[in-house]
Amino acid sequence: MTHSTWFSNSTRLLVLAVMGSLAVAGCQSSGTPAPVSNGIHSKQQVLARGQWDAFNHAQLNQMIVQYGKLSSTYRADKKPYVVFDFDNTSVFLDIEEATLIYQLEQLQFKVTPQQLDKIIRTDISDKNFSADYNNQAGQAVNINTVAPDIIASYTWLYQHYSGLKGTQSLAEVQKSPHYLNFITKMRYLYAAIGHTFDHSVSYPWVTYLFAGFTEQEVRTLTRDAFRWQQSQKIGPVKWTSPAELSGKAGVVSVKWENGLRPHAEMQTLYRTLLDNGFDVYVCSASFIDVIKEMVSNPEMGFNISDQNVYAMQLERDNAGRIIPKFRAGYYQTQGKGKTQTIEKFLVSKYGYGPIFIAGDSEGDQNMMQDFADTQKVVIVNRLRKPSTDIGKFSKIALDSHGKADAKFLLQGRDANTGKFVPSTKTITFGATEGKNLKGE
């Protein structure tokens, strides 16, 4: 049974008559308020205004009232459900990447140098990385040049750091150039893989670094990384490997973004949907145990069951320790794999698709369009390329902004603060003016 089956045209009219009508002003892309064309919205406000774009807020509020338990057609045995992406949607920045940085800086690994060498080479061909990842001398780099440098430095750290097999404190080993060489070239390798190979290679690769951890150990690592990020200044960080350990790869640099923050409006939306009888799920391309901790630990402010998470899965041994091998029977939760995951675990359970989707990137664009039951889609505006589906959806959102039948809702944010802005426009780091679309 689909949502369209539950809510026939006559039922919709009845619900709207009971609810009454209220024309809600919507912000056009220029920021000028304008009346909503033929807009019918509930006088009942259930979603806090926050920093939502005014039209987006009105549309979400209407959806909650129309399909939630306030509706006379609501059925507790046929609940509507919603699916959120997590990284750069529910939070500013990426918790998997933040956890990687924390793992590197704290040297939290549970593998030998030999095991790490095998892990970082998994599914990586020996082709040269994208030219953007040439070394400081302009030379191409590949896995066969950078892996030996990483393992040489990790071996030194493994033998000296007390958290591994040595006796020195973290502060002591941090003084060695091997420390900076290791963390820089590992983070560089992650970025180089992501910009050279298909996402089906790069997305699971970073999860393999949890090899040897238990679920609780990954969750503790995630919690600690989240706490650390709250104290960090928002902005780019650049690491450069030490010249004295240039090795086979040479001197390389990598930039990454610091200052992960939860989006308060998303925390509130999760809670409001739950309070109004919707089932709430997360489907993320990050590792399953990382996202479980983020959504279920009350400290993070999302407060949904960790059973409602679908994310990257790895095999486990009999003691529950992670094995660096993708788990059989699961799809990679990115791109088409998100749709396949929702179909396998949720459509099979409910008999219909999600009524609402939220995402930000190409990894979400399939699930945004693949379900006939989806009524509203929030796109957190990261100025995606217009050639991508999500770039096209962003343009559709702008064109339909202020119209009652809008499906795609483009929501702006400020990368200088990590917060939503009450507009469709996004302000990039270092800028003061927002843009609606890439290339403006």
Foldseek 3Di string as FASTA:
>chain_A
DFPCVLQDPVNLVVQLVVQDFDWWWFQAQVRDTDTFDVAGFGPDALADPFQAARLVSRLLRRVLCCQFPVTPSHDLLQFFAEEEAPACWQKDHDLLVLLLLLCLLQVDFDDALVVVLCLLCPPFDFDWFDQVFAAPVSHTDGSVFLSVLLSVLVNVCQCDDPSHNHDDHSVVCVVDLSSLSNSFSVSSSLVRCVRGDDCVPNLLSSVQRQFFPFLVRLLVSSVVSVVVLQPDAWDKDKGWRDQVSLGRRGITMDIDTGRMGGEPSSLSSLVSSVVRSYHYAYQYAHELSSVLSCQCPVVNRNNDHSVRYHYFAADADPVRGGHSHGDPPAFRRFAVSVVVRCVVPPCVVNVFHHQEYEEEDNRCLCSLPPGPNHQAYEYAYPQDDCVGSVLVLLVQQSVCGSYNRDRYHQWEAESNVRYTHNHSFYHYPPGDDTDSHPPD
